[in-house]
N, C-alpha and C. Protein backbone atom coordinates (compact mmCIF):
# COMPACT_ATOMS: atom_id res chain seq x y z
N MET A 1 0.87 -1.20 0.01
CA MET A 1 -0.01 0.00 0.00
C MET A 1 0.87 1.24 0.02
N ILE A 2 0.52 2.23 -0.79
CA ILE A 2 1.25 3.46 -0.86
C ILE A 2 0.89 4.33 0.35
N HIS A 3 1.93 4.88 1.01
CA HIS A 3 1.71 5.78 2.14
C HIS A 3 2.30 7.13 1.83
N GLU A 4 1.64 8.18 2.34
CA GLU A 4 2.19 9.52 2.18
C GLU A 4 3.44 9.65 3.07
N ILE A 5 4.41 10.44 2.62
CA ILE A 5 5.62 10.63 3.37
C ILE A 5 5.44 11.86 4.28
N HIS A 6 5.71 11.66 5.56
CA HIS A 6 5.55 12.76 6.51
C HIS A 6 6.93 13.22 6.99
N THR A 7 7.20 14.46 6.92
CA THR A 7 8.48 15.02 7.43
C THR A 7 8.18 16.23 8.30
N ARG A 8 9.17 16.69 9.02
CA ARG A 8 9.03 17.89 9.84
C ARG A 8 8.81 19.09 8.93
N PRO A 9 8.15 20.14 9.44
CA PRO A 9 7.84 21.31 8.58
C PRO A 9 9.04 21.87 7.79
N LYS A 10 10.19 22.05 8.48
CA LYS A 10 11.34 22.60 7.77
C LYS A 10 11.86 21.64 6.73
N SER A 11 11.95 20.37 7.06
CA SER A 11 12.46 19.41 6.08
C SER A 11 11.45 19.15 4.95
N GLN A 12 10.15 19.39 5.25
CA GLN A 12 9.11 19.25 4.22
C GLN A 12 9.31 20.32 3.15
N ALA A 13 9.56 21.54 3.59
CA ALA A 13 9.82 22.61 2.64
C ALA A 13 11.07 22.35 1.79
N LEU A 14 12.09 21.82 2.48
CA LEU A 14 13.34 21.48 1.77
C LEU A 14 13.12 20.32 0.79
N PHE A 15 12.32 19.34 1.24
CA PHE A 15 11.93 18.22 0.38
C PHE A 15 11.31 18.74 -0.90
N GLU A 16 10.35 19.67 -0.77
CA GLU A 16 9.63 20.22 -1.93
C GLU A 16 10.57 20.97 -2.85
N ASN A 17 11.53 21.72 -2.25
CA ASN A 17 12.49 22.49 -3.09
C ASN A 17 13.41 21.59 -3.88
N ILE A 18 13.97 20.56 -3.24
CA ILE A 18 14.88 19.66 -3.92
C ILE A 18 14.10 18.86 -4.98
N ARG A 19 12.90 18.42 -4.59
CA ARG A 19 12.08 17.66 -5.51
C ARG A 19 11.78 18.46 -6.77
N ALA A 20 11.44 19.75 -6.60
CA ALA A 20 11.16 20.64 -7.72
C ALA A 20 12.40 20.77 -8.65
N LYS A 21 13.55 20.88 -8.05
CA LYS A 21 14.81 21.03 -8.85
C LYS A 21 15.05 19.77 -9.67
N ILE A 22 14.74 18.60 -9.08
CA ILE A 22 14.93 17.34 -9.82
C ILE A 22 13.90 17.25 -10.93
N LEU A 23 12.64 17.60 -10.64
CA LEU A 23 11.58 17.56 -11.66
C LEU A 23 11.91 18.49 -12.81
N GLU A 24 12.51 19.58 -12.52
CA GLU A 24 12.87 20.60 -13.55
C GLU A 24 14.12 20.21 -14.31
N GLY A 25 14.82 19.18 -13.85
CA GLY A 25 16.02 18.72 -14.56
C GLY A 25 17.31 19.40 -14.11
N HIS A 26 17.26 20.16 -13.02
CA HIS A 26 18.46 20.86 -12.55
C HIS A 26 19.48 19.87 -11.95
N HIS A 27 18.96 18.79 -11.38
CA HIS A 27 19.80 17.76 -10.85
C HIS A 27 19.64 16.51 -11.74
N PRO A 28 20.55 16.26 -12.65
CA PRO A 28 20.41 15.16 -13.60
C PRO A 28 20.59 13.79 -12.97
N SER A 29 20.17 12.79 -13.69
CA SER A 29 20.30 11.41 -13.26
C SER A 29 21.76 11.09 -12.88
N GLY A 30 21.93 10.52 -11.71
CA GLY A 30 23.28 10.10 -11.24
C GLY A 30 24.03 11.15 -10.47
N GLN A 31 23.52 12.36 -10.42
CA GLN A 31 24.24 13.42 -9.72
C GLN A 31 24.19 13.21 -8.21
N TRP A 32 25.37 13.39 -7.59
CA TRP A 32 25.44 13.30 -6.11
C TRP A 32 24.92 14.58 -5.50
N LEU A 33 24.11 14.43 -4.46
CA LEU A 33 23.55 15.58 -3.75
C LEU A 33 24.30 15.71 -2.44
N LYS A 34 25.28 16.62 -2.41
CA LYS A 34 26.11 16.76 -1.20
C LYS A 34 25.32 17.51 -0.14
N GLN A 35 25.28 16.93 1.04
CA GLN A 35 24.52 17.50 2.12
C GLN A 35 25.05 18.85 2.52
N ALA A 36 26.36 19.03 2.55
CA ALA A 36 26.94 20.28 2.95
C ALA A 36 26.56 21.42 1.95
N ASP A 37 26.53 21.08 0.68
CA ASP A 37 26.12 22.06 -0.33
C ASP A 37 24.64 22.48 -0.15
N LEU A 38 23.80 21.48 0.11
CA LEU A 38 22.36 21.75 0.33
C LEU A 38 22.14 22.58 1.59
N GLU A 39 22.90 22.27 2.63
CA GLU A 39 22.80 23.05 3.87
C GLU A 39 23.09 24.53 3.58
N SER A 40 24.16 24.74 2.83
CA SER A 40 24.59 26.13 2.53
C SER A 40 23.59 26.81 1.59
N GLN A 41 23.16 26.08 0.56
CA GLN A 41 22.23 26.64 -0.41
C GLN A 41 20.90 27.05 0.18
N TYR A 42 20.36 26.23 1.11
CA TYR A 42 19.03 26.48 1.64
C TYR A 42 19.05 27.02 3.07
N GLY A 43 20.23 27.16 3.63
CA GLY A 43 20.31 27.63 5.02
C GLY A 43 19.64 26.69 5.95
N ALA A 44 19.82 25.38 5.71
CA ALA A 44 19.13 24.36 6.50
C ALA A 44 20.10 23.63 7.38
N SER A 45 19.57 22.96 8.40
CA SER A 45 20.38 22.15 9.32
C SER A 45 20.70 20.81 8.66
N ARG A 46 21.74 20.14 9.20
CA ARG A 46 22.10 18.84 8.67
C ARG A 46 20.98 17.82 8.84
N SER A 47 20.29 17.89 9.99
CA SER A 47 19.22 16.92 10.21
C SER A 47 18.04 17.13 9.27
N ASP A 48 17.73 18.40 8.96
CA ASP A 48 16.63 18.69 8.01
C ASP A 48 17.00 18.26 6.60
N VAL A 49 18.25 18.46 6.19
CA VAL A 49 18.67 18.02 4.87
C VAL A 49 18.61 16.52 4.77
N ARG A 50 19.07 15.84 5.76
CA ARG A 50 19.07 14.37 5.73
C ARG A 50 17.63 13.81 5.73
N SER A 51 16.76 14.47 6.49
CA SER A 51 15.36 14.07 6.54
C SER A 51 14.68 14.20 5.16
N ALA A 52 14.97 15.38 4.53
CA ALA A 52 14.42 15.61 3.17
C ALA A 52 14.91 14.63 2.16
N LEU A 53 16.21 14.33 2.20
CA LEU A 53 16.79 13.35 1.26
C LEU A 53 16.29 11.95 1.53
N SER A 54 16.10 11.63 2.78
CA SER A 54 15.55 10.29 3.11
C SER A 54 14.13 10.16 2.55
N SER A 55 13.34 11.23 2.66
CA SER A 55 11.97 11.20 2.13
C SER A 55 11.99 11.02 0.60
N LEU A 56 12.92 11.71 -0.06
CA LEU A 56 13.07 11.58 -1.50
C LEU A 56 13.48 10.16 -1.87
N ALA A 57 14.32 9.55 -1.02
CA ALA A 57 14.72 8.15 -1.27
C ALA A 57 13.55 7.22 -1.13
N GLU A 58 12.67 7.48 -0.17
CA GLU A 58 11.47 6.63 -0.01
C GLU A 58 10.55 6.75 -1.22
N ARG A 59 10.59 7.89 -1.86
CA ARG A 59 9.77 8.11 -3.07
C ARG A 59 10.42 7.48 -4.32
N GLY A 60 11.70 7.09 -4.21
CA GLY A 60 12.39 6.53 -5.37
C GLY A 60 12.95 7.59 -6.28
N VAL A 61 13.01 8.85 -5.78
CA VAL A 61 13.52 9.94 -6.60
C VAL A 61 15.04 9.99 -6.51
N VAL A 62 15.57 9.73 -5.30
CA VAL A 62 17.01 9.63 -5.09
C VAL A 62 17.30 8.27 -4.45
N GLU A 63 18.56 7.90 -4.40
CA GLU A 63 18.92 6.65 -3.73
C GLU A 63 20.06 6.93 -2.77
N TYR A 64 20.07 6.13 -1.67
CA TYR A 64 21.14 6.25 -0.70
C TYR A 64 22.17 5.15 -0.95
N VAL A 65 23.44 5.52 -1.09
CA VAL A 65 24.53 4.59 -1.27
C VAL A 65 25.37 4.60 0.01
N LYS A 66 25.47 3.47 0.63
CA LYS A 66 26.18 3.37 1.92
C LYS A 66 27.61 3.92 1.79
N ASN A 67 28.00 4.74 2.74
CA ASN A 67 29.32 5.33 2.82
C ASN A 67 29.61 6.37 1.72
N ARG A 68 28.58 6.67 0.90
CA ARG A 68 28.78 7.64 -0.17
C ARG A 68 27.80 8.82 -0.04
N GLY A 69 26.55 8.51 0.28
CA GLY A 69 25.55 9.56 0.39
C GLY A 69 24.38 9.34 -0.54
N PHE A 70 23.77 10.46 -0.94
CA PHE A 70 22.55 10.41 -1.77
C PHE A 70 22.87 10.89 -3.21
N ARG A 71 22.24 10.26 -4.17
CA ARG A 71 22.37 10.70 -5.54
C ARG A 71 21.05 10.54 -6.26
N VAL A 72 20.84 11.32 -7.28
CA VAL A 72 19.62 11.23 -8.06
C VAL A 72 19.56 9.87 -8.72
N PHE A 73 18.42 9.22 -8.61
CA PHE A 73 18.26 7.84 -9.09
C PHE A 73 18.56 7.72 -10.56
N THR A 74 19.33 6.72 -10.93
CA THR A 74 19.59 6.41 -12.34
C THR A 74 18.77 5.17 -12.70
N ARG A 75 17.93 5.26 -13.69
CA ARG A 75 17.13 4.12 -14.09
C ARG A 75 17.48 3.67 -15.51
N SER A 76 17.42 2.37 -15.69
CA SER A 76 17.75 1.81 -17.01
C SER A 76 16.57 2.10 -17.95
N THR A 77 16.84 1.97 -19.24
CA THR A 77 15.80 2.13 -20.27
C THR A 77 14.67 1.17 -20.01
N GLU A 78 14.99 -0.07 -19.61
CA GLU A 78 13.95 -1.05 -19.31
C GLU A 78 13.07 -0.61 -18.15
N GLU A 79 13.70 -0.08 -17.10
CA GLU A 79 12.93 0.39 -15.95
C GLU A 79 12.00 1.57 -16.32
N LEU A 80 12.55 2.49 -17.14
CA LEU A 80 11.73 3.61 -17.59
C LEU A 80 10.54 3.16 -18.44
N ASP A 81 10.78 2.17 -19.29
CA ASP A 81 9.68 1.61 -20.10
C ASP A 81 8.62 0.96 -19.24
N GLU A 82 9.07 0.26 -18.19
CA GLU A 82 8.11 -0.39 -17.27
C GLU A 82 7.32 0.65 -16.50
N ILE A 83 7.98 1.72 -16.08
CA ILE A 83 7.23 2.77 -15.38
C ILE A 83 6.20 3.41 -16.29
N ALA A 84 6.60 3.65 -17.55
CA ALA A 84 5.66 4.24 -18.55
C ALA A 84 4.46 3.33 -18.75
N GLU A 85 4.68 2.01 -18.76
CA GLU A 85 3.59 1.06 -18.92
C GLU A 85 2.63 1.10 -17.73
N MET A 86 3.24 1.23 -16.53
CA MET A 86 2.41 1.32 -15.31
C MET A 86 1.58 2.57 -15.30
N ILE A 87 2.20 3.71 -15.71
CA ILE A 87 1.48 4.95 -15.78
C ILE A 87 0.31 4.83 -16.78
N ALA A 88 0.63 4.25 -17.95
CA ALA A 88 -0.42 4.09 -18.97
C ALA A 88 -1.56 3.24 -18.48
N ALA A 89 -1.26 2.14 -17.75
CA ALA A 89 -2.27 1.23 -17.23
C ALA A 89 -3.18 1.94 -16.23
N LEU A 90 -2.58 2.74 -15.35
CA LEU A 90 -3.37 3.41 -14.31
C LEU A 90 -4.20 4.54 -14.93
N GLU A 91 -3.59 5.33 -15.82
CA GLU A 91 -4.32 6.47 -16.41
C GLU A 91 -5.47 5.97 -17.32
N THR A 92 -5.26 4.95 -18.06
CA THR A 92 -6.31 4.42 -18.94
C THR A 92 -7.45 3.79 -18.12
N ALA A 93 -7.09 3.16 -17.00
CA ALA A 93 -8.11 2.58 -16.13
C ALA A 93 -8.96 3.68 -15.49
N ALA A 94 -8.41 4.85 -15.37
CA ALA A 94 -9.09 5.98 -14.74
C ALA A 94 -9.86 6.85 -15.76
N ALA A 95 -9.79 6.52 -17.04
CA ALA A 95 -10.36 7.37 -18.08
C ALA A 95 -11.85 7.68 -17.88
N ASP A 96 -12.65 6.67 -17.57
CA ASP A 96 -14.06 6.90 -17.39
C ASP A 96 -14.34 7.88 -16.24
N SER A 97 -13.58 7.68 -15.13
CA SER A 97 -13.77 8.50 -13.93
C SER A 97 -13.31 9.94 -14.24
N ILE A 98 -12.25 10.08 -14.99
CA ILE A 98 -11.79 11.44 -15.35
C ILE A 98 -12.87 12.20 -16.09
N ILE A 99 -13.47 11.53 -17.08
CA ILE A 99 -14.54 12.20 -17.87
C ILE A 99 -15.75 12.49 -16.97
N GLU A 100 -16.10 11.53 -16.10
CA GLU A 100 -17.27 11.71 -15.25
C GLU A 100 -17.08 12.87 -14.25
N ASN A 101 -15.89 13.01 -13.75
CA ASN A 101 -15.65 14.01 -12.65
C ASN A 101 -15.18 15.37 -13.17
N ALA A 102 -14.73 15.47 -14.41
CA ALA A 102 -14.19 16.72 -14.92
C ALA A 102 -15.23 17.82 -14.91
N THR A 103 -14.89 18.96 -14.32
CA THR A 103 -15.80 20.11 -14.31
C THR A 103 -15.32 21.11 -15.39
N VAL A 104 -16.22 22.07 -15.63
CA VAL A 104 -15.86 23.13 -16.59
C VAL A 104 -14.57 23.86 -16.15
N GLN A 105 -14.50 24.12 -14.83
CA GLN A 105 -13.31 24.83 -14.30
C GLN A 105 -12.07 23.97 -14.44
N ASP A 106 -12.22 22.67 -14.24
CA ASP A 106 -11.08 21.76 -14.42
C ASP A 106 -10.53 21.86 -15.84
N MET A 107 -11.43 21.93 -16.79
CA MET A 107 -11.00 21.94 -18.19
C MET A 107 -10.41 23.29 -18.57
N VAL A 108 -10.92 24.36 -17.97
CA VAL A 108 -10.35 25.68 -18.22
C VAL A 108 -8.90 25.69 -17.71
N GLU A 109 -8.69 25.15 -16.52
CA GLU A 109 -7.36 25.10 -15.94
C GLU A 109 -6.41 24.20 -16.73
N THR A 110 -6.93 23.05 -17.17
CA THR A 110 -6.12 22.11 -17.96
C THR A 110 -5.68 22.74 -19.28
N ARG A 111 -6.64 23.42 -19.93
CA ARG A 111 -6.30 24.05 -21.20
C ARG A 111 -5.29 25.18 -21.02
N GLU A 112 -5.36 25.89 -19.90
CA GLU A 112 -4.40 26.94 -19.62
C GLU A 112 -3.00 26.36 -19.47
N ILE A 113 -2.89 25.21 -18.80
CA ILE A 113 -1.59 24.56 -18.63
C ILE A 113 -1.07 24.10 -20.00
N ALA A 114 -1.94 23.55 -20.82
CA ALA A 114 -1.53 23.08 -22.16
C ALA A 114 -1.05 24.25 -23.03
N LYS A 115 -1.75 25.39 -22.89
CA LYS A 115 -1.34 26.58 -23.66
C LYS A 115 0.02 27.12 -23.17
N ARG A 116 0.25 27.03 -21.86
CA ARG A 116 1.54 27.49 -21.36
C ARG A 116 2.66 26.56 -21.88
N PHE A 117 2.41 25.29 -21.93
CA PHE A 117 3.40 24.34 -22.47
C PHE A 117 3.66 24.69 -23.96
N GLU A 118 2.60 25.00 -24.71
CA GLU A 118 2.73 25.32 -26.13
C GLU A 118 3.57 26.57 -26.29
N SER A 119 3.34 27.58 -25.44
CA SER A 119 4.07 28.83 -25.56
C SER A 119 5.54 28.65 -25.21
N LEU A 120 5.85 27.66 -24.37
CA LEU A 120 7.24 27.42 -23.95
C LEU A 120 8.06 26.68 -24.99
N ILE A 121 7.40 26.12 -25.97
CA ILE A 121 8.15 25.33 -26.99
C ILE A 121 9.18 26.20 -27.71
N ARG A 122 8.82 27.45 -28.00
CA ARG A 122 9.75 28.34 -28.71
C ARG A 122 10.58 29.20 -27.80
N GLN A 123 10.11 29.47 -26.59
CA GLN A 123 10.83 30.45 -25.76
C GLN A 123 11.17 29.94 -24.38
N GLY A 124 10.83 28.72 -24.04
CA GLY A 124 11.07 28.20 -22.72
C GLY A 124 12.27 27.30 -22.64
N SER A 125 12.71 27.00 -21.43
CA SER A 125 13.81 26.09 -21.22
C SER A 125 13.29 24.67 -21.06
N GLN A 126 14.18 23.70 -21.14
CA GLN A 126 13.77 22.29 -20.97
C GLN A 126 13.23 22.09 -19.55
N ALA A 127 13.79 22.82 -18.58
CA ALA A 127 13.28 22.70 -17.20
C ALA A 127 11.83 23.18 -17.12
N GLU A 128 11.53 24.28 -17.78
CA GLU A 128 10.17 24.82 -17.74
C GLU A 128 9.21 23.88 -18.45
N LEU A 129 9.65 23.29 -19.54
CA LEU A 129 8.83 22.34 -20.28
C LEU A 129 8.52 21.11 -19.45
N ARG A 130 9.56 20.61 -18.77
CA ARG A 130 9.36 19.42 -17.91
C ARG A 130 8.33 19.66 -16.86
N ILE A 131 8.43 20.78 -16.15
CA ILE A 131 7.52 21.05 -15.02
C ILE A 131 6.11 21.33 -15.50
N GLU A 132 5.97 21.99 -16.65
CA GLU A 132 4.62 22.26 -17.18
C GLU A 132 3.97 20.97 -17.67
N ASN A 133 4.76 20.08 -18.25
CA ASN A 133 4.24 18.76 -18.68
C ASN A 133 3.81 17.98 -17.47
N TYR A 134 4.60 18.03 -16.39
CA TYR A 134 4.25 17.34 -15.14
C TYR A 134 2.93 17.89 -14.59
N ARG A 135 2.76 19.21 -14.60
CA ARG A 135 1.56 19.82 -14.12
C ARG A 135 0.34 19.40 -14.95
N PHE A 136 0.52 19.31 -16.27
CA PHE A 136 -0.58 18.90 -17.15
C PHE A 136 -1.10 17.51 -16.74
N HIS A 137 -0.17 16.57 -16.64
CA HIS A 137 -0.57 15.18 -16.37
C HIS A 137 -1.08 15.04 -14.92
N ASP A 138 -0.52 15.83 -14.01
CA ASP A 138 -1.01 15.76 -12.61
C ASP A 138 -2.43 16.28 -12.56
N LYS A 139 -2.73 17.31 -13.33
CA LYS A 139 -4.09 17.84 -13.37
C LYS A 139 -5.07 16.81 -13.93
N ILE A 140 -4.66 16.13 -15.02
CA ILE A 140 -5.52 15.14 -15.64
C ILE A 140 -5.87 14.03 -14.68
N ILE A 141 -4.83 13.44 -14.05
CA ILE A 141 -5.10 12.27 -13.20
C ILE A 141 -5.79 12.68 -11.91
N SER A 142 -5.64 13.91 -11.47
CA SER A 142 -6.34 14.34 -10.26
C SER A 142 -7.84 14.37 -10.46
N MET A 143 -8.30 14.44 -11.68
CA MET A 143 -9.75 14.48 -11.99
C MET A 143 -10.42 13.14 -11.84
N CYS A 144 -9.61 12.05 -11.65
CA CYS A 144 -10.23 10.74 -11.59
C CYS A 144 -11.01 10.53 -10.28
N GLY A 145 -10.69 11.37 -9.26
CA GLY A 145 -11.41 11.27 -7.99
C GLY A 145 -10.90 10.23 -7.01
N ASN A 146 -9.94 9.43 -7.51
CA ASN A 146 -9.33 8.39 -6.65
C ASN A 146 -7.94 8.91 -6.23
N LYS A 147 -7.84 9.29 -4.97
CA LYS A 147 -6.61 9.92 -4.47
C LYS A 147 -5.43 8.95 -4.50
N LEU A 148 -5.70 7.66 -4.28
CA LEU A 148 -4.61 6.69 -4.30
C LEU A 148 -4.03 6.53 -5.68
N ILE A 149 -4.92 6.44 -6.71
CA ILE A 149 -4.43 6.34 -8.07
C ILE A 149 -3.66 7.57 -8.45
N ALA A 150 -4.20 8.74 -8.14
CA ALA A 150 -3.53 10.01 -8.48
C ALA A 150 -2.18 10.11 -7.83
N ARG A 151 -2.10 9.70 -6.54
CA ARG A 151 -0.83 9.77 -5.82
C ARG A 151 0.17 8.80 -6.38
N THR A 152 -0.28 7.59 -6.73
CA THR A 152 0.63 6.59 -7.31
C THR A 152 1.20 7.03 -8.64
N VAL A 153 0.35 7.59 -9.50
CA VAL A 153 0.84 8.10 -10.79
C VAL A 153 1.82 9.21 -10.58
N ARG A 154 1.52 10.10 -9.64
CA ARG A 154 2.41 11.22 -9.32
C ARG A 154 3.79 10.69 -8.86
N HIS A 155 3.76 9.67 -8.02
CA HIS A 155 5.03 9.13 -7.54
C HIS A 155 5.80 8.44 -8.67
N LEU A 156 5.07 7.74 -9.56
CA LEU A 156 5.74 7.06 -10.70
C LEU A 156 6.39 8.09 -11.61
N ARG A 157 5.71 9.20 -11.85
CA ARG A 157 6.27 10.24 -12.72
C ARG A 157 7.52 10.86 -12.06
N GLU A 158 7.47 11.01 -10.73
CA GLU A 158 8.63 11.56 -10.04
C GLU A 158 9.81 10.61 -10.11
N CYS A 159 9.53 9.30 -10.12
CA CYS A 159 10.61 8.28 -10.16
C CYS A 159 11.40 8.37 -11.45
N CYS A 160 10.78 8.81 -12.54
CA CYS A 160 11.52 8.87 -13.82
C CYS A 160 11.76 10.34 -14.24
N ALA A 161 11.57 11.26 -13.31
CA ALA A 161 11.69 12.67 -13.64
C ALA A 161 13.08 13.07 -14.09
N SER A 162 14.10 12.40 -13.51
CA SER A 162 15.48 12.77 -13.87
C SER A 162 15.97 12.06 -15.10
N GLY A 163 15.17 11.11 -15.61
CA GLY A 163 15.61 10.34 -16.77
C GLY A 163 15.49 11.14 -18.04
N PRO A 164 16.10 10.69 -19.13
CA PRO A 164 16.03 11.41 -20.41
C PRO A 164 14.63 11.33 -21.03
N GLU A 165 14.12 12.43 -21.53
CA GLU A 165 12.88 12.42 -22.26
C GLU A 165 13.22 12.79 -23.69
N VAL A 166 13.33 11.78 -24.53
CA VAL A 166 13.86 11.94 -25.89
C VAL A 166 13.07 12.97 -26.68
N ARG A 167 11.75 12.99 -26.55
CA ARG A 167 10.97 13.89 -27.38
C ARG A 167 11.26 15.35 -27.06
N TYR A 168 11.78 15.64 -25.86
CA TYR A 168 12.09 17.01 -25.51
C TYR A 168 13.39 17.47 -26.13
N MET A 169 14.05 16.58 -26.84
CA MET A 169 15.32 16.95 -27.45
C MET A 169 15.14 17.59 -28.84
N THR A 170 13.95 17.45 -29.40
CA THR A 170 13.70 17.94 -30.75
C THR A 170 12.46 18.82 -30.78
N PHE A 171 12.43 19.78 -31.72
CA PHE A 171 11.26 20.63 -31.90
C PHE A 171 10.08 19.79 -32.34
N ASP A 172 10.29 18.82 -33.23
CA ASP A 172 9.19 17.97 -33.71
C ASP A 172 8.58 17.17 -32.55
N GLY A 173 9.46 16.70 -31.68
CA GLY A 173 8.97 15.93 -30.51
C GLY A 173 8.11 16.78 -29.60
N LEU A 174 8.52 18.02 -29.40
CA LEU A 174 7.74 18.93 -28.54
C LEU A 174 6.38 19.23 -29.19
N GLN A 175 6.39 19.44 -30.50
CA GLN A 175 5.14 19.70 -31.20
C GLN A 175 4.20 18.50 -31.11
N LYS A 176 4.73 17.28 -31.20
CA LYS A 176 3.93 16.10 -31.10
C LYS A 176 3.30 15.97 -29.72
N SER A 177 4.12 16.24 -28.67
CA SER A 177 3.62 16.16 -27.32
C SER A 177 2.52 17.20 -27.09
N ASN A 178 2.73 18.39 -27.63
CA ASN A 178 1.76 19.48 -27.53
C ASN A 178 0.44 19.10 -28.18
N LYS A 179 0.54 18.53 -29.37
CA LYS A 179 -0.68 18.11 -30.09
C LYS A 179 -1.44 17.04 -29.30
N GLU A 180 -0.73 16.12 -28.69
CA GLU A 180 -1.35 15.08 -27.92
C GLU A 180 -2.07 15.62 -26.65
N HIS A 181 -1.47 16.67 -26.05
CA HIS A 181 -2.10 17.29 -24.92
C HIS A 181 -3.50 17.79 -25.26
N PHE A 182 -3.59 18.46 -26.39
CA PHE A 182 -4.90 19.00 -26.80
C PHE A 182 -5.87 17.90 -27.24
N GLU A 183 -5.33 16.80 -27.76
CA GLU A 183 -6.19 15.65 -28.10
C GLU A 183 -6.76 14.99 -26.87
N ILE A 184 -5.98 14.98 -25.80
CA ILE A 184 -6.43 14.43 -24.51
C ILE A 184 -7.57 15.35 -23.97
N ILE A 185 -7.36 16.63 -24.04
CA ILE A 185 -8.37 17.59 -23.61
C ILE A 185 -9.66 17.41 -24.41
N GLU A 186 -9.55 17.31 -25.72
CA GLU A 186 -10.73 17.15 -26.57
C GLU A 186 -11.49 15.87 -26.23
N ALA A 187 -10.77 14.81 -25.95
CA ALA A 187 -11.44 13.53 -25.63
C ALA A 187 -12.26 13.66 -24.34
N ILE A 188 -11.71 14.40 -23.36
CA ILE A 188 -12.44 14.59 -22.13
C ILE A 188 -13.68 15.46 -22.36
N GLU A 189 -13.47 16.54 -23.09
CA GLU A 189 -14.59 17.49 -23.31
C GLU A 189 -15.71 16.91 -24.14
N THR A 190 -15.41 15.93 -24.98
CA THR A 190 -16.45 15.28 -25.84
C THR A 190 -16.93 13.99 -25.21
N ASP A 191 -16.52 13.68 -23.99
CA ASP A 191 -16.95 12.47 -23.28
C ASP A 191 -16.61 11.17 -24.08
N ASN A 192 -15.46 11.20 -24.72
CA ASN A 192 -15.05 10.05 -25.54
C ASN A 192 -14.02 9.24 -24.74
N ALA A 193 -14.51 8.27 -23.99
CA ALA A 193 -13.60 7.47 -23.12
C ALA A 193 -12.66 6.60 -23.91
N VAL A 194 -13.13 6.08 -25.04
CA VAL A 194 -12.27 5.23 -25.87
C VAL A 194 -11.09 6.04 -26.41
N ALA A 195 -11.38 7.22 -26.94
CA ALA A 195 -10.31 8.11 -27.45
C ALA A 195 -9.40 8.52 -26.34
N LEU A 196 -9.93 8.79 -25.15
CA LEU A 196 -9.07 9.22 -24.02
C LEU A 196 -8.12 8.12 -23.63
N ARG A 197 -8.64 6.88 -23.54
CA ARG A 197 -7.77 5.78 -23.19
C ARG A 197 -6.65 5.60 -24.21
N ASN A 198 -6.99 5.68 -25.47
CA ASN A 198 -6.00 5.54 -26.56
C ASN A 198 -4.96 6.65 -26.47
N ARG A 199 -5.42 7.90 -26.26
CA ARG A 199 -4.49 9.05 -26.24
C ARG A 199 -3.56 8.91 -25.03
N LEU A 200 -4.09 8.58 -23.86
CA LEU A 200 -3.28 8.48 -22.66
C LEU A 200 -2.23 7.37 -22.76
N ALA A 201 -2.66 6.22 -23.29
CA ALA A 201 -1.73 5.13 -23.42
C ALA A 201 -0.61 5.42 -24.37
N ALA A 202 -0.93 5.97 -25.54
CA ALA A 202 0.07 6.31 -26.55
C ALA A 202 1.01 7.36 -26.03
N HIS A 203 0.45 8.35 -25.39
CA HIS A 203 1.28 9.49 -24.91
C HIS A 203 2.25 9.03 -23.82
N ALA A 204 1.79 8.19 -22.91
CA ALA A 204 2.64 7.73 -21.78
C ALA A 204 3.86 6.93 -22.31
N VAL A 205 3.56 6.04 -23.23
CA VAL A 205 4.62 5.17 -23.76
C VAL A 205 5.56 5.94 -24.67
N GLN A 206 5.03 6.79 -25.52
CA GLN A 206 5.86 7.52 -26.46
C GLN A 206 6.73 8.56 -25.78
N SER A 207 6.30 9.06 -24.63
CA SER A 207 7.09 10.07 -23.91
C SER A 207 8.43 9.47 -23.46
N GLU A 208 8.53 8.16 -23.38
CA GLU A 208 9.79 7.53 -23.01
C GLU A 208 10.55 7.06 -24.22
N GLN A 209 9.87 6.93 -25.37
CA GLN A 209 10.53 6.40 -26.54
C GLN A 209 10.91 7.47 -27.55
N GLY A 210 10.30 8.69 -27.38
CA GLY A 210 10.61 9.76 -28.30
C GLY A 210 9.64 9.86 -29.43
């Protein structure tokens, strides 16, 4: 069973800051996260830094190596493919609930996120694109109404956040991802569960394959 990670208030804020940097791609796969550097950067205590890193390790975002410290998790292509398949399975299973629960305001907010992603294709950084893409998919799965499914998908996406996303390396790949975002929105707005399942499955798998 998936459990929420609980940390002290100060280490929780630090956890969120480091997590955001990893999601944005500032800490690449395999990078060592030196506790002394984090203490200095965030003005945090050693215990708070260690607590935050331990929470990230529980999430599978970083890993602890005995006698070495913490580093951003490195996942094999096979592992990333398996995570993508798990995300696709959960999102497609939630398709009917997403359509049933989506409100007008939900769709307004989702479309705004998609438009921000589109505007970033020409003028944004890879970090900005990563985080906006994460927000888009987090918004979609949150509409399913099942907090456990939404949390699990969120955790799975965080687990592969530091891995390479091939489609973000090319303009054509970004355009394809952008097009799929709006196709997902259209499927929800037209109550087309079959199309939504197909779009979600294809998008999840292709995001790892390019």
